[in-house]
Amino acid sequence: MTKPEMHDKAGGADILALLHGGKASVRAVAILEATKGLLVVLVGFGLFALIHRDVQAIAEEVVRAVHLNPASHLPRVFLDAMASVNDAKLWVMAASAMAYAIIRFIEAYGLWQQQMWAIWFGILTGCLYLPVEVYELFLSTSLLKILMLALNLLIVFWLALVRWQATHRGSN
């Protein structure tokens, strides 16, 4: 085998052949994960750029630039949150963003290369977010939160289905 492919060790079943559009579907999930990683890298660099700067003043300028009333609820919450940010917190948030991005890139690489470990990794990382997403929905409901939960559930169930079908096909 010259190229690493998704094979189940038990039966040698080609996972990509198990579902219609298998290779394209796996690669679509890989692109989604890589995109999430790239967006978080950009956020991380933005956080690094704020170190040794007056974050409160920058936040106030952002609120003014988008023509929000600083006394209204959401801008006030944002400004209050930014008032407590210091360089140490920025370092932690930026480093956390970079670590998260690395995880997304590892998963994307594995899925793009059609590795079985990436299916397991995708199921695990996707399931880690489900309790948080459900909790957030209980706090407040929004279309974005519903869509994020639905997309995450779709990906986790699809990856689990790929794995389950590979296991059952290999045992037949």
C-alpha atoms as a PDB file:
ATOM      1  CA  MET A   1       0.000   0.000   0.000  1.00  0.00           C
ATOM      2  CA  THR A   2       1.815   3.129  -1.206  1.00  0.00           C
ATOM      3  CA  LYS A   3      -0.604   5.750   0.133  1.00  0.00           C
ATOM      4  CA  PRO A   4      -2.011   5.617   3.660  1.00  0.00           C
ATOM      5  CA  GLU A   5      -5.690   4.875   3.362  1.00  0.00           C
ATOM      6  CA  MET A   6      -8.476   4.342   5.846  1.00  0.00           C
ATOM      7  CA  HIS A   7      -8.536   0.646   6.380  1.00  0.00           C
ATOM      8  CA  ASP A   8     -10.042  -1.150   9.304  1.00  0.00           C
ATOM      9  CA  LYS A   9      -7.363  -3.413  10.768  1.00  0.00           C
ATOM     10  CA  ALA A  10      -9.876  -6.156  11.520  1.00  0.00           C
ATOM     11  CA  GLY A  11     -11.170  -6.661   8.037  1.00  0.00           C
ATOM     12  CA  GLY A  12      -9.330  -4.325   5.673  1.00  0.00           C
ATOM     13  CA  ALA A  13     -12.556  -2.574   4.639  1.00  0.00           C
ATOM     14  CA  ASP A  14     -11.947   0.658   2.781  1.00  0.00           C
ATOM     15  CA  ILE A  15     -13.847   3.217   4.867  1.00  0.00           C
ATOM     16  CA  LEU A  16     -14.162   5.638   1.990  1.00  0.00           C
ATOM     17  CA  ALA A  17     -16.101   3.055   0.014  1.00  0.00           C
ATOM     18  CA  LEU A  18     -18.613   2.658   2.843  1.00  0.00           C
ATOM     19  CA  LEU A  19     -20.465   5.901   2.283  1.00  0.00           C
ATOM     20  CA  HIS A  20     -21.452   7.686  -0.905  1.00  0.00           C
ATOM     21  CA  GLY A  21     -18.951  10.416  -1.682  1.00  0.00           C
ATOM     22  CA  GLY A  22     -16.689   9.052   1.025  1.00  0.00           C
ATOM     23  CA  LYS A  23     -13.400  10.665   0.042  1.00  0.00           C
ATOM     24  CA  ALA A  24     -15.050  13.989  -0.764  1.00  0.00           C
ATOM     25  CA  SER A  25     -17.021  13.906   2.487  1.00  0.00           C
ATOM     26  CA  VAL A  26     -13.958  13.160   4.602  1.00  0.00           C
ATOM     27  CA  ARG A  27     -12.065  15.912   2.842  1.00  0.00           C
ATOM     28  CA  ALA A  28     -14.971  18.334   3.343  1.00  0.00           C
ATOM     29  CA  VAL A  29     -14.742  17.727   7.100  1.00  0.00           C
ATOM     30  CA  ALA A  30     -10.958  18.144   6.868  1.00  0.00           C
ATOM     31  CA  ILE A  31     -11.398  21.512   5.144  1.00  0.00           C
ATOM     32  CA  LEU A  32     -13.902  22.588   7.804  1.00  0.00           C
ATOM     33  CA  GLU A  33     -11.475  21.653  10.590  1.00  0.00           C
ATOM     34  CA  ALA A  34      -8.563  23.403   8.861  1.00  0.00           C
ATOM     35  CA  THR A  35     -10.719  26.515   8.389  1.00  0.00           C
ATOM     36  CA  LYS A  36     -11.616  26.531  12.088  1.00  0.00           C
ATOM     37  CA  GLY A  37      -7.921  26.207  12.894  1.00  0.00           C
ATOM     38  CA  LEU A  38      -6.998  29.069  10.575  1.00  0.00           C
ATOM     39  CA  LEU A  39      -9.649  31.368  12.077  1.00  0.00           C
ATOM     40  CA  VAL A  40      -8.414  30.609  15.590  1.00  0.00           C
ATOM     41  CA  VAL A  41      -4.807  31.260  14.534  1.00  0.00           C
ATOM     42  CA  LEU A  42      -5.908  34.698  13.337  1.00  0.00           C
ATOM     43  CA  VAL A  43      -7.645  35.314  16.671  1.00  0.00           C
ATOM     44  CA  GLY A  44      -4.509  34.148  18.482  1.00  0.00           C
ATOM     45  CA  PHE A  45      -2.328  36.574  16.528  1.00  0.00           C
ATOM     46  CA  GLY A  46      -4.841  39.320  17.280  1.00  0.00           C
ATOM     47  CA  LEU A  47      -4.568  38.522  20.986  1.00  0.00           C
ATOM     48  CA  PHE A  48      -0.764  38.516  20.794  1.00  0.00           C
ATOM     49  CA  ALA A  49      -0.966  41.946  19.121  1.00  0.00           C
ATOM     50  CA  LEU A  50      -2.883  43.309  22.136  1.00  0.00           C
ATOM     51  CA  ILE A  51      -0.117  42.451  24.606  1.00  0.00           C
ATOM     52  CA  HIS A  52       1.433  45.607  26.137  1.00  0.00           C
ATOM     53  CA  ARG A  53      -1.397  47.734  24.741  1.00  0.00           C
ATOM     54  CA  ASP A  54      -4.305  49.512  26.428  1.00  0.00           C
ATOM     55  CA  VAL A  55      -7.003  46.904  25.759  1.00  0.00           C
ATOM     56  CA  GLN A  56      -9.693  48.996  27.454  1.00  0.00           C
ATOM     57  CA  ALA A  57      -8.992  51.969  25.144  1.00  0.00           C
ATOM     58  CA  ILE A  58      -8.992  49.703  22.095  1.00  0.00           C
ATOM     59  CA  ALA A  59     -12.327  48.184  23.172  1.00  0.00           C
ATOM     60  CA  GLU A  60     -13.847  51.640  23.609  1.00  0.00           C
ATOM     61  CA  GLU A  61     -12.611  52.616  20.150  1.00  0.00           C
ATOM     62  CA  VAL A  62     -14.159  49.470  18.637  1.00  0.00           C
ATOM     63  CA  VAL A  63     -17.512  50.256  20.272  1.00  0.00           C
ATOM     64  CA  ARG A  64     -17.363  53.815  18.903  1.00  0.00           C
ATOM     65  CA  ALA A  65     -16.230  52.650  15.441  1.00  0.00           C
ATOM     66  CA  VAL A  66     -19.251  50.369  15.018  1.00  0.00           C
ATOM     67  CA  HIS A  67     -21.574  53.092  16.339  1.00  0.00           C
ATOM     68  CA  LEU A  68     -22.784  51.247  19.425  1.00  0.00           C
ATOM     69  CA  ASN A  69     -24.063  52.978  22.521  1.00  0.00           C
ATOM     70  CA  PRO A  70     -21.487  52.188  25.241  1.00  0.00           C
ATOM     71  CA  ALA A  71     -24.231  52.439  27.875  1.00  0.00           C
ATOM     72  CA  SER A  72     -26.397  49.713  26.296  1.00  0.00           C
ATOM     73  CA  HIS A  73     -26.210  46.135  27.576  1.00  0.00           C
ATOM     74  CA  LEU A  74     -23.976  44.220  25.125  1.00  0.00           C
ATOM     75  CA  PRO A  75     -21.388  46.960  24.574  1.00  0.00           C
ATOM     76  CA  ARG A  76     -21.248  47.473  28.359  1.00  0.00           C
ATOM     77  CA  VAL A  77     -20.639  43.744  28.934  1.00  0.00           C
ATOM     78  CA  PHE A  78     -17.869  43.827  26.318  1.00  0.00           C
ATOM     79  CA  LEU A  79     -16.247  46.928  27.820  1.00  0.00           C
ATOM     80  CA  ASP A  80     -16.468  45.543  31.358  1.00  0.00           C
ATOM     81  CA  ALA A  81     -14.859  42.285  30.233  1.00  0.00           C
ATOM     82  CA  MET A  82     -12.055  44.160  28.497  1.00  0.00           C
ATOM     83  CA  ALA A  83     -11.400  46.238  31.625  1.00  0.00           C
ATOM     84  CA  SER A  84     -10.169  43.127  33.445  1.00  0.00           C
ATOM     85  CA  VAL A  85      -7.856  41.908  30.691  1.00  0.00           C
ATOM     86  CA  ASN A  86      -4.137  42.101  31.402  1.00  0.00           C
ATOM     87  CA  ASP A  87      -1.022  40.876  29.594  1.00  0.00           C
ATOM     88  CA  ALA A  88      -0.944  37.564  31.474  1.00  0.00           C
ATOM     89  CA  LYS A  89      -4.543  36.799  30.481  1.00  0.00           C
ATOM     90  CA  LEU A  90      -3.797  37.755  26.879  1.00  0.00           C
ATOM     91  CA  TRP A  91      -0.815  35.372  26.822  1.00  0.00           C
ATOM     92  CA  VAL A  92      -2.948  32.534  28.190  1.00  0.00           C
ATOM     93  CA  MET A  93      -5.791  33.212  25.728  1.00  0.00           C
ATOM     94  CA  ALA A  94      -3.419  33.515  22.770  1.00  0.00           C
ATOM     95  CA  ALA A  95      -1.502  30.357  23.714  1.00  0.00           C
ATOM     96  CA  SER A  96      -4.793  28.499  24.213  1.00  0.00           C
ATOM     97  CA  ALA A  97      -5.959  29.664  20.794  1.00  0.00           C
ATOM     98  CA  MET A  98      -2.766  28.363  19.210  1.00  0.00           C
ATOM     99  CA  ALA A  99      -3.059  25.005  21.004  1.00  0.00           C
ATOM    100  CA  TYR A 100      -6.678  24.685  19.817  1.00  0.00           C
ATOM    101  CA  ALA A 101      -5.607  25.527  16.262  1.00  0.00           C
ATOM    102  CA  ILE A 102      -2.891  22.847  16.353  1.00  0.00           C
ATOM    103  CA  ILE A 103      -5.520  20.282  17.385  1.00  0.00           C
ATOM    104  CA  ARG A 104      -7.767  21.366  14.495  1.00  0.00           C
ATOM    105  CA  PHE A 105      -4.832  21.147  12.033  1.00  0.00           C
ATOM    106  CA  ILE A 106      -3.835  17.675  13.270  1.00  0.00           C
ATOM    107  CA  GLU A 107      -7.401  16.445  12.783  1.00  0.00           C
ATOM    108  CA  ALA A 108      -7.650  18.099   9.354  1.00  0.00           C
ATOM    109  CA  TYR A 109      -4.366  16.529   8.232  1.00  0.00           C
ATOM    110  CA  GLY A 110      -5.417  13.071   9.390  1.00  0.00           C
ATOM    111  CA  LEU A 111      -8.806  13.295   7.716  1.00  0.00           C
ATOM    112  CA  TRP A 112      -7.292  14.660   4.501  1.00  0.00           C
ATOM    113  CA  GLN A 113      -4.797  11.764   4.521  1.00  0.00           C
ATOM    114  CA  GLN A 114      -7.693   9.357   5.237  1.00  0.00           C
ATOM    115  CA  GLN A 115      -6.249   8.001   8.478  1.00  0.00           C
ATOM    116  CA  MET A 116      -8.369   5.873  10.816  1.00  0.00           C
ATOM    117  CA  TRP A 117      -6.951   7.604  13.904  1.00  0.00           C
ATOM    118  CA  ALA A 118      -8.377  10.870  12.551  1.00  0.00           C
ATOM    119  CA  ILE A 119     -11.894   9.394  12.552  1.00  0.00           C
ATOM    120  CA  TRP A 120     -11.486   8.510  16.238  1.00  0.00           C
ATOM    121  CA  PHE A 121      -9.882  11.880  16.938  1.00  0.00           C
ATOM    122  CA  GLY A 122     -12.768  13.687  15.211  1.00  0.00           C
ATOM    123  CA  ILE A 123     -15.370  11.753  17.173  1.00  0.00           C
ATOM    124  CA  LEU A 124     -13.576  12.475  20.449  1.00  0.00           C
ATOM    125  CA  THR A 125     -13.003  16.182  19.858  1.00  0.00           C
ATOM    126  CA  GLY A 126     -16.512  16.671  18.513  1.00  0.00           C
ATOM    127  CA  CYS A 127     -18.054  14.957  21.540  1.00  0.00           C
ATOM    128  CA  LEU A 128     -16.036  17.150  23.900  1.00  0.00           C
ATOM    129  CA  TYR A 129     -17.947  20.224  22.689  1.00  0.00           C
ATOM    130  CA  LEU A 130     -21.455  18.760  22.894  1.00  0.00           C
ATOM    131  CA  PRO A 131     -22.039  19.307  26.644  1.00  0.00           C
ATOM    132  CA  VAL A 132     -20.831  22.909  26.395  1.00  0.00           C
ATOM    133  CA  GLU A 133     -22.999  23.603  23.344  1.00  0.00           C
ATOM    134  CA  VAL A 134     -26.096  22.129  25.030  1.00  0.00           C
ATOM    135  CA  TYR A 135     -25.381  24.108  28.209  1.00  0.00           C
ATOM    136  CA  GLU A 136     -25.025  27.302  26.179  1.00  0.00           C
ATOM    137  CA  LEU A 137     -28.393  26.614  24.556  1.00  0.00           C
ATOM    138  CA  PHE A 138     -29.985  26.312  27.988  1.00  0.00           C
ATOM    139  CA  LEU A 139     -28.524  29.694  28.976  1.00  0.00           C
ATOM    140  CA  SER A 140     -29.834  31.444  25.882  1.00  0.00           C
ATOM    141  CA  THR A 141     -31.074  30.292  22.518  1.00  0.00           C
ATOM    142  CA  SER A 142     -29.913  31.747  19.235  1.00  0.00           C
ATOM    143  CA  LEU A 143     -29.931  30.558  15.661  1.00  0.00           C
ATOM    144  CA  LEU A 144     -26.119  30.518  15.627  1.00  0.00           C
ATOM    145  CA  LYS A 145     -25.956  28.267  18.719  1.00  0.00           C
ATOM    146  CA  ILE A 146     -28.532  25.903  17.233  1.00  0.00           C
ATOM    147  CA  LEU A 147     -26.664  25.743  13.917  1.00  0.00           C
ATOM    148  CA  MET A 148     -23.310  25.137  15.640  1.00  0.00           C
ATOM    149  CA  LEU A 149     -24.780  22.301  17.714  1.00  0.00           C
ATOM    150  CA  ALA A 150     -26.486  20.801  14.657  1.00  0.00           C
ATOM    151  CA  LEU A 151     -23.280  20.959  12.590  1.00  0.00           C
ATOM    152  CA  ASN A 152     -21.233  19.407  15.383  1.00  0.00           C
ATOM    153  CA  LEU A 153     -23.803  16.634  15.889  1.00  0.00           C
ATOM    154  CA  LEU A 154     -23.885  15.968  12.146  1.00  0.00           C
ATOM    155  CA  ILE A 155     -20.104  15.637  11.958  1.00  0.00           C
ATOM    156  CA  VAL A 156     -19.846  13.448  15.075  1.00  0.00           C
ATOM    157  CA  PHE A 157     -22.666  11.135  13.946  1.00  0.00           C
ATOM    158  CA  TRP A 158     -21.277  10.940  10.419  1.00  0.00           C
ATOM    159  CA  LEU A 159     -17.779  10.049  11.672  1.00  0.00           C
ATOM    160  CA  ALA A 160     -19.259   7.518  14.106  1.00  0.00           C
ATOM    161  CA  LEU A 161     -21.282   6.002  11.259  1.00  0.00           C
ATOM    162  CA  VAL A 162     -18.155   5.696   9.114  1.00  0.00           C
ATOM    163  CA  ARG A 163     -16.368   3.953  11.978  1.00  0.00           C
ATOM    164  CA  TRP A 164     -19.339   1.716  12.840  1.00  0.00           C
ATOM    165  CA  GLN A 165     -19.820   0.642   9.212  1.00  0.00           C
ATOM    166  CA  ALA A 166     -16.112  -0.109   8.861  1.00  0.00           C
ATOM    167  CA  THR A 167     -16.233  -2.300  11.979  1.00  0.00           C
ATOM    168  CA  HIS A 168     -19.345  -4.189  10.894  1.00  0.00           C
ATOM    169  CA  ARG A 169     -18.288  -4.600   7.299  1.00  0.00           C
ATOM    170  CA  GLY A 170     -14.909  -5.935   8.453  1.00  0.00           C
ATOM    171  CA  SER A 171     -16.568  -8.558  10.655  1.00  0.00           C
ATOM    172  CA  ASN A 172     -18.826  -9.920   7.906  1.00  0.00           C
END
